[in-house]
């Protein structure tokens, strides 16, 4: 009897772990896939890469956290190839800030501005 209960508990834990990791890795894979496509299509044009990523149907279907991760991955690609520098993220405003390679300031705001907020 105790052996059967133990088997049921272990089986349930294995299934729960499988579901959790499948969900986590599937969603992360989606965001990485579309960020990578946007980067590969626009290696030398940061603005076009951001635009392609944020305008895609797939990006719009991601939840807030996935969008942040996707944009961070895309901008890190540009950072690693020296197309941008000084990358930072403001969590409250959902705003990525950076400098282009020519020194001009740039940014990506993932959440619309709230006109009622100070």
N, C-alpha and C. Protein backbone atom coordinates (compact mmCIF):
# COMPACT_ATOMS: atom_id res chain seq x y z
N UNK A 1 0.82 -1.19 0.00
CA UNK A 1 0.00 0.00 0.00
C UNK A 1 0.87 1.27 0.00
N UNK A 2 1.87 1.30 0.91
CA UNK A 2 2.77 2.46 0.97
C UNK A 2 3.56 2.60 -0.32
N UNK A 3 3.91 1.47 -0.91
CA UNK A 3 4.67 1.49 -2.16
C UNK A 3 3.84 2.12 -3.27
N UNK A 4 2.55 1.80 -3.34
CA UNK A 4 1.67 2.36 -4.37
C UNK A 4 1.51 3.88 -4.19
N UNK A 5 1.39 4.32 -2.96
CA UNK A 5 1.25 5.76 -2.69
C UNK A 5 2.53 6.49 -3.10
N UNK A 6 3.66 5.89 -2.77
CA UNK A 6 4.94 6.48 -3.14
C UNK A 6 5.09 6.58 -4.66
N UNK A 7 4.67 5.55 -5.36
CA UNK A 7 4.74 5.56 -6.83
C UNK A 7 3.85 6.67 -7.39
N UNK A 8 2.67 6.84 -6.83
CA UNK A 8 1.75 7.89 -7.29
C UNK A 8 2.34 9.27 -7.04
N UNK A 9 2.93 9.47 -5.88
CA UNK A 9 3.52 10.77 -5.54
C UNK A 9 4.70 11.08 -6.47
N UNK A 10 5.58 10.13 -6.66
CA UNK A 10 6.74 10.34 -7.53
C UNK A 10 6.29 10.60 -8.97
N UNK A 11 5.31 9.84 -9.44
CA UNK A 11 4.79 10.04 -10.80
C UNK A 11 4.19 11.43 -10.95
N UNK A 12 3.46 11.87 -9.95
CA UNK A 12 2.84 13.20 -9.99
C UNK A 12 3.90 14.29 -10.04
N UNK A 13 4.96 14.13 -9.26
CA UNK A 13 6.04 15.11 -9.26
C UNK A 13 6.75 15.17 -10.61
N UNK A 14 6.97 14.03 -11.20
CA UNK A 14 7.62 13.98 -12.51
C UNK A 14 6.75 14.68 -13.55
N UNK A 15 5.47 14.43 -13.53
CA UNK A 15 4.55 15.07 -14.48
C UNK A 15 4.52 16.57 -14.26
N UNK A 16 4.46 17.00 -13.00
CA UNK A 16 4.43 18.43 -12.69
C UNK A 16 5.71 19.11 -13.19
N UNK A 17 6.85 18.48 -12.97
CA UNK A 17 8.12 19.05 -13.43
C UNK A 17 8.15 19.14 -14.95
N UNK A 18 7.67 18.12 -15.62
CA UNK A 18 7.64 18.11 -17.07
C UNK A 18 6.77 19.26 -17.59
N UNK A 19 5.60 19.45 -17.01
CA UNK A 19 4.69 20.52 -17.45
C UNK A 19 5.34 21.88 -17.22
N UNK A 20 5.93 22.08 -16.05
CA UNK A 20 6.56 23.36 -15.73
C UNK A 20 7.69 23.68 -16.71
N UNK A 21 8.61 22.75 -16.89
CA UNK A 21 9.76 23.02 -17.75
C UNK A 21 9.35 23.14 -19.21
N UNK A 22 8.36 22.37 -19.62
CA UNK A 22 7.87 22.47 -20.99
C UNK A 22 7.29 23.87 -21.23
N UNK A 23 6.50 24.36 -20.29
CA UNK A 23 5.92 25.70 -20.42
C UNK A 23 7.02 26.76 -20.43
N UNK A 24 7.96 26.68 -19.48
CA UNK A 24 9.01 27.68 -19.37
C UNK A 24 9.87 27.73 -20.62
N UNK A 25 10.36 26.59 -21.06
CA UNK A 25 11.26 26.58 -22.21
C UNK A 25 10.55 26.87 -23.52
N UNK A 26 9.30 26.47 -23.65
CA UNK A 26 8.56 26.77 -24.87
C UNK A 26 8.37 28.26 -25.01
N UNK A 27 7.94 28.94 -23.94
CA UNK A 27 7.72 30.38 -24.02
C UNK A 27 9.02 31.13 -24.22
N UNK A 28 10.08 30.76 -23.55
CA UNK A 28 11.36 31.43 -23.72
C UNK A 28 11.86 31.21 -25.15
N UNK A 29 11.65 30.02 -25.67
CA UNK A 29 12.05 29.73 -27.04
C UNK A 29 11.34 30.60 -28.06
N UNK A 30 10.07 30.88 -27.81
CA UNK A 30 9.31 31.74 -28.73
C UNK A 30 9.92 33.12 -28.77
N UNK A 31 10.18 33.71 -27.61
CA UNK A 31 10.71 35.07 -27.61
C UNK A 31 12.10 35.11 -28.23
N UNK A 32 12.93 34.14 -27.91
CA UNK A 32 14.27 34.13 -28.47
C UNK A 32 14.24 33.96 -29.98
N UNK A 33 13.32 33.15 -30.47
CA UNK A 33 13.23 32.90 -31.91
C UNK A 33 12.95 34.18 -32.68
N UNK A 34 11.97 34.95 -32.25
CA UNK A 34 11.60 36.14 -33.00
C UNK A 34 12.59 37.28 -32.82
N UNK A 35 13.23 37.37 -31.67
CA UNK A 35 14.29 38.36 -31.49
C UNK A 35 15.48 38.03 -32.38
N UNK A 36 15.80 36.75 -32.46
CA UNK A 36 16.92 36.32 -33.29
C UNK A 36 16.63 36.59 -34.76
N UNK A 37 15.41 36.34 -35.20
CA UNK A 37 15.04 36.60 -36.60
C UNK A 37 15.16 38.09 -36.89
N UNK A 38 14.65 38.93 -35.99
CA UNK A 38 14.72 40.39 -36.20
C UNK A 38 16.18 40.84 -36.27
N UNK A 39 17.02 40.27 -35.42
CA UNK A 39 18.44 40.65 -35.44
C UNK A 39 19.11 40.16 -36.73
N UNK A 40 18.87 38.92 -37.11
CA UNK A 40 19.51 38.37 -38.31
C UNK A 40 19.10 39.15 -39.56
N UNK A 41 17.86 39.62 -39.61
CA UNK A 41 17.39 40.38 -40.77
C UNK A 41 17.93 41.81 -40.79
N UNK A 42 18.36 42.31 -39.63
CA UNK A 42 18.74 43.73 -39.52
C UNK A 42 19.99 43.91 -38.67
N UNK A 43 21.05 43.18 -38.97
CA UNK A 43 22.27 43.25 -38.17
C UNK A 43 22.86 44.65 -38.10
N UNK A 44 22.73 45.43 -39.14
CA UNK A 44 23.37 46.74 -39.19
C UNK A 44 22.39 47.89 -38.95
N UNK A 45 21.12 47.62 -38.76
CA UNK A 45 20.12 48.67 -38.58
C UNK A 45 19.34 48.41 -37.30
N UNK A 46 19.78 49.04 -36.21
CA UNK A 46 19.17 48.82 -34.90
C UNK A 46 17.69 49.18 -34.92
N UNK A 47 17.36 50.35 -35.47
CA UNK A 47 15.96 50.79 -35.47
C UNK A 47 15.06 49.82 -36.22
N UNK A 48 15.52 49.35 -37.36
CA UNK A 48 14.70 48.43 -38.15
C UNK A 48 14.55 47.09 -37.42
N UNK A 49 15.59 46.63 -36.74
CA UNK A 49 15.50 45.39 -35.97
C UNK A 49 14.49 45.50 -34.85
N UNK A 50 14.52 46.62 -34.14
CA UNK A 50 13.55 46.85 -33.06
C UNK A 50 12.15 46.93 -33.63
N UNK A 51 12.00 47.65 -34.72
CA UNK A 51 10.68 47.81 -35.34
C UNK A 51 10.12 46.46 -35.81
N UNK A 52 10.96 45.67 -36.46
CA UNK A 52 10.51 44.36 -36.93
C UNK A 52 10.08 43.47 -35.76
N UNK A 53 10.85 43.53 -34.69
CA UNK A 53 10.54 42.71 -33.52
C UNK A 53 9.22 43.16 -32.87
N UNK A 54 9.10 44.46 -32.56
CA UNK A 54 7.93 44.94 -31.82
C UNK A 54 6.66 44.95 -32.65
N UNK A 55 6.77 45.02 -33.96
CA UNK A 55 5.58 45.01 -34.80
C UNK A 55 5.10 43.61 -35.17
N UNK A 56 5.88 42.61 -34.82
CA UNK A 56 5.48 41.25 -35.20
C UNK A 56 4.30 40.77 -34.37
N UNK A 57 3.47 39.99 -35.00
CA UNK A 57 2.29 39.42 -34.33
C UNK A 57 2.74 38.57 -33.13
N UNK A 58 3.81 37.83 -33.32
CA UNK A 58 4.31 36.94 -32.28
C UNK A 58 4.76 37.72 -31.04
N UNK A 59 5.43 38.86 -31.24
CA UNK A 59 5.88 39.68 -30.11
C UNK A 59 4.68 40.22 -29.34
N UNK A 60 3.67 40.66 -30.06
CA UNK A 60 2.48 41.23 -29.43
C UNK A 60 1.71 40.20 -28.62
N UNK A 61 1.87 38.93 -28.96
CA UNK A 61 1.17 37.86 -28.24
C UNK A 61 1.92 37.42 -26.98
N UNK A 62 3.16 37.86 -26.81
CA UNK A 62 3.93 37.50 -25.62
C UNK A 62 3.42 38.28 -24.42
N UNK A 63 3.56 37.69 -23.23
CA UNK A 63 3.19 38.44 -22.04
C UNK A 63 4.28 39.47 -21.74
N UNK A 64 4.04 40.31 -20.75
CA UNK A 64 4.95 41.41 -20.43
C UNK A 64 6.38 40.94 -20.15
N UNK A 65 6.51 39.91 -19.35
CA UNK A 65 7.83 39.40 -18.98
C UNK A 65 8.56 38.85 -20.21
N UNK A 66 7.85 38.15 -21.06
CA UNK A 66 8.45 37.59 -22.27
C UNK A 66 8.88 38.69 -23.23
N UNK A 67 8.07 39.77 -23.32
CA UNK A 67 8.45 40.89 -24.18
C UNK A 67 9.73 41.55 -23.68
N UNK A 68 9.84 41.69 -22.36
CA UNK A 68 11.05 42.28 -21.78
C UNK A 68 12.26 41.41 -22.11
N UNK A 69 12.12 40.10 -21.91
CA UNK A 69 13.23 39.18 -22.20
C UNK A 69 13.59 39.20 -23.68
N UNK A 70 12.59 39.24 -24.53
CA UNK A 70 12.83 39.26 -25.97
C UNK A 70 13.59 40.53 -26.36
N UNK A 71 13.14 41.68 -25.88
CA UNK A 71 13.80 42.93 -26.23
C UNK A 71 15.19 42.98 -25.64
N UNK A 72 15.36 42.49 -24.43
CA UNK A 72 16.69 42.45 -23.82
C UNK A 72 17.64 41.60 -24.67
N UNK A 73 17.15 40.45 -25.14
CA UNK A 73 17.98 39.58 -25.98
C UNK A 73 18.36 40.27 -27.29
N UNK A 74 17.39 40.95 -27.91
CA UNK A 74 17.66 41.65 -29.16
C UNK A 74 18.69 42.76 -28.95
N UNK A 75 18.48 43.57 -27.93
CA UNK A 75 19.41 44.68 -27.67
C UNK A 75 20.78 44.18 -27.25
N UNK A 76 20.84 43.07 -26.55
CA UNK A 76 22.14 42.49 -26.20
C UNK A 76 22.91 42.05 -27.44
N UNK A 77 22.20 41.59 -28.46
CA UNK A 77 22.86 41.24 -29.72
C UNK A 77 23.53 42.47 -30.33
N UNK A 78 22.79 43.59 -30.33
CA UNK A 78 23.36 44.83 -30.86
C UNK A 78 24.49 45.35 -29.97
N UNK A 79 24.35 45.16 -28.66
CA UNK A 79 25.40 45.56 -27.73
C UNK A 79 26.68 44.76 -27.97
N UNK A 80 26.52 43.46 -28.19
CA UNK A 80 27.68 42.59 -28.41
C UNK A 80 28.40 42.88 -29.72
N UNK A 81 27.70 43.48 -30.67
CA UNK A 81 28.32 43.81 -31.96
C UNK A 81 28.66 45.30 -32.06
N UNK A 82 28.60 45.99 -30.90
CA UNK A 82 28.97 47.41 -30.79
C UNK A 82 28.10 48.36 -31.61
N UNK A 83 26.89 47.96 -31.93
CA UNK A 83 25.95 48.86 -32.61
C UNK A 83 25.31 49.81 -31.61
N UNK A 84 25.24 49.38 -30.34
CA UNK A 84 24.78 50.24 -29.25
C UNK A 84 25.72 50.05 -28.08
N UNK A 85 25.62 50.96 -27.10
CA UNK A 85 26.40 50.82 -25.87
C UNK A 85 25.59 51.40 -24.71
N UNK A 86 26.07 51.18 -23.50
CA UNK A 86 25.43 51.70 -22.29
C UNK A 86 23.96 51.29 -22.18
N UNK A 87 23.67 50.02 -22.35
CA UNK A 87 22.30 49.52 -22.27
C UNK A 87 21.86 49.45 -20.82
N UNK A 88 20.66 49.99 -20.54
CA UNK A 88 20.07 49.89 -19.21
C UNK A 88 18.57 49.69 -19.34
N UNK A 89 17.95 49.27 -18.25
CA UNK A 89 16.50 49.01 -18.26
C UNK A 89 15.88 49.60 -17.01
N UNK A 90 14.80 50.37 -17.18
CA UNK A 90 14.03 50.93 -16.08
C UNK A 90 12.76 50.09 -15.94
N UNK A 91 12.70 49.33 -14.87
CA UNK A 91 11.59 48.39 -14.66
C UNK A 91 10.25 49.11 -14.50
N UNK A 92 10.24 50.24 -13.78
CA UNK A 92 8.98 50.95 -13.54
C UNK A 92 8.35 51.46 -14.84
N UNK A 93 9.17 52.01 -15.71
CA UNK A 93 8.66 52.55 -16.96
C UNK A 93 8.72 51.58 -18.12
N UNK A 94 9.26 50.38 -17.88
CA UNK A 94 9.47 49.39 -18.94
C UNK A 94 10.21 50.04 -20.12
N UNK A 95 11.32 50.71 -19.80
CA UNK A 95 12.06 51.47 -20.79
C UNK A 95 13.51 51.00 -20.86
N UNK A 96 13.91 50.57 -22.06
CA UNK A 96 15.31 50.27 -22.33
C UNK A 96 15.96 51.54 -22.87
N UNK A 97 17.10 51.91 -22.32
CA UNK A 97 17.85 53.07 -22.78
C UNK A 97 19.23 52.62 -23.24
N UNK A 98 19.74 53.31 -24.25
CA UNK A 98 21.06 52.97 -24.78
C UNK A 98 21.60 54.14 -25.58
N UNK A 99 22.84 54.04 -25.98
CA UNK A 99 23.44 54.99 -26.90
C UNK A 99 23.77 54.25 -28.19
N UNK A 100 23.48 54.91 -29.32
CA UNK A 100 23.89 54.35 -30.61
C UNK A 100 25.40 54.46 -30.71
N UNK A 101 25.97 53.78 -31.69
CA UNK A 101 27.42 53.80 -31.86
C UNK A 101 27.94 55.21 -32.13
N UNK A 102 27.09 56.12 -32.63
CA UNK A 102 27.53 57.49 -32.90
C UNK A 102 27.35 58.41 -31.68
N UNK A 103 26.84 57.86 -30.56
CA UNK A 103 26.69 58.64 -29.34
C UNK A 103 25.30 59.18 -29.08
N UNK A 104 24.41 59.13 -30.08
CA UNK A 104 23.05 59.61 -29.87
C UNK A 104 22.32 58.68 -28.91
N UNK A 105 21.39 59.25 -28.15
CA UNK A 105 20.61 58.46 -27.21
C UNK A 105 19.47 57.75 -27.92
N UNK A 106 19.17 56.56 -27.45
CA UNK A 106 18.06 55.79 -28.00
C UNK A 106 17.33 55.06 -26.90
N UNK A 107 16.18 54.53 -27.24
CA UNK A 107 15.44 53.78 -26.24
C UNK A 107 14.26 53.04 -26.84
N UNK A 108 13.75 52.11 -26.07
CA UNK A 108 12.57 51.33 -26.45
C UNK A 108 11.66 51.28 -25.23
N UNK A 109 10.46 51.80 -25.36
CA UNK A 109 9.49 51.77 -24.28
C UNK A 109 8.46 50.70 -24.63
N UNK A 110 8.36 49.68 -23.78
CA UNK A 110 7.46 48.57 -24.07
C UNK A 110 6.05 48.82 -23.58
N UNK A 111 5.89 49.77 -22.68
CA UNK A 111 4.56 50.09 -22.17
C UNK A 111 4.24 51.52 -22.59
N UNK A 112 3.01 51.76 -23.04
CA UNK A 112 2.62 53.10 -23.45
C UNK A 112 2.74 54.08 -22.30
N UNK A 113 3.02 55.33 -22.64
CA UNK A 113 3.06 56.36 -21.63
C UNK A 113 1.68 56.55 -21.04
N UNK A 114 1.61 56.77 -19.76
CA UNK A 114 0.35 57.03 -19.07
C UNK A 114 0.23 58.54 -18.90
N UNK A 115 -0.72 59.20 -19.60
CA UNK A 115 -0.81 60.65 -19.52
C UNK A 115 -1.25 61.14 -18.13
N UNK A 116 -1.77 60.24 -17.31
CA UNK A 116 -2.25 60.64 -15.98
C UNK A 116 -1.19 60.44 -14.90
N UNK A 117 -0.04 59.91 -15.29
CA UNK A 117 1.05 59.67 -14.34
C UNK A 117 1.99 60.86 -14.35
N UNK A 118 2.51 61.24 -13.22
CA UNK A 118 3.48 62.35 -13.13
C UNK A 118 4.87 61.83 -13.37
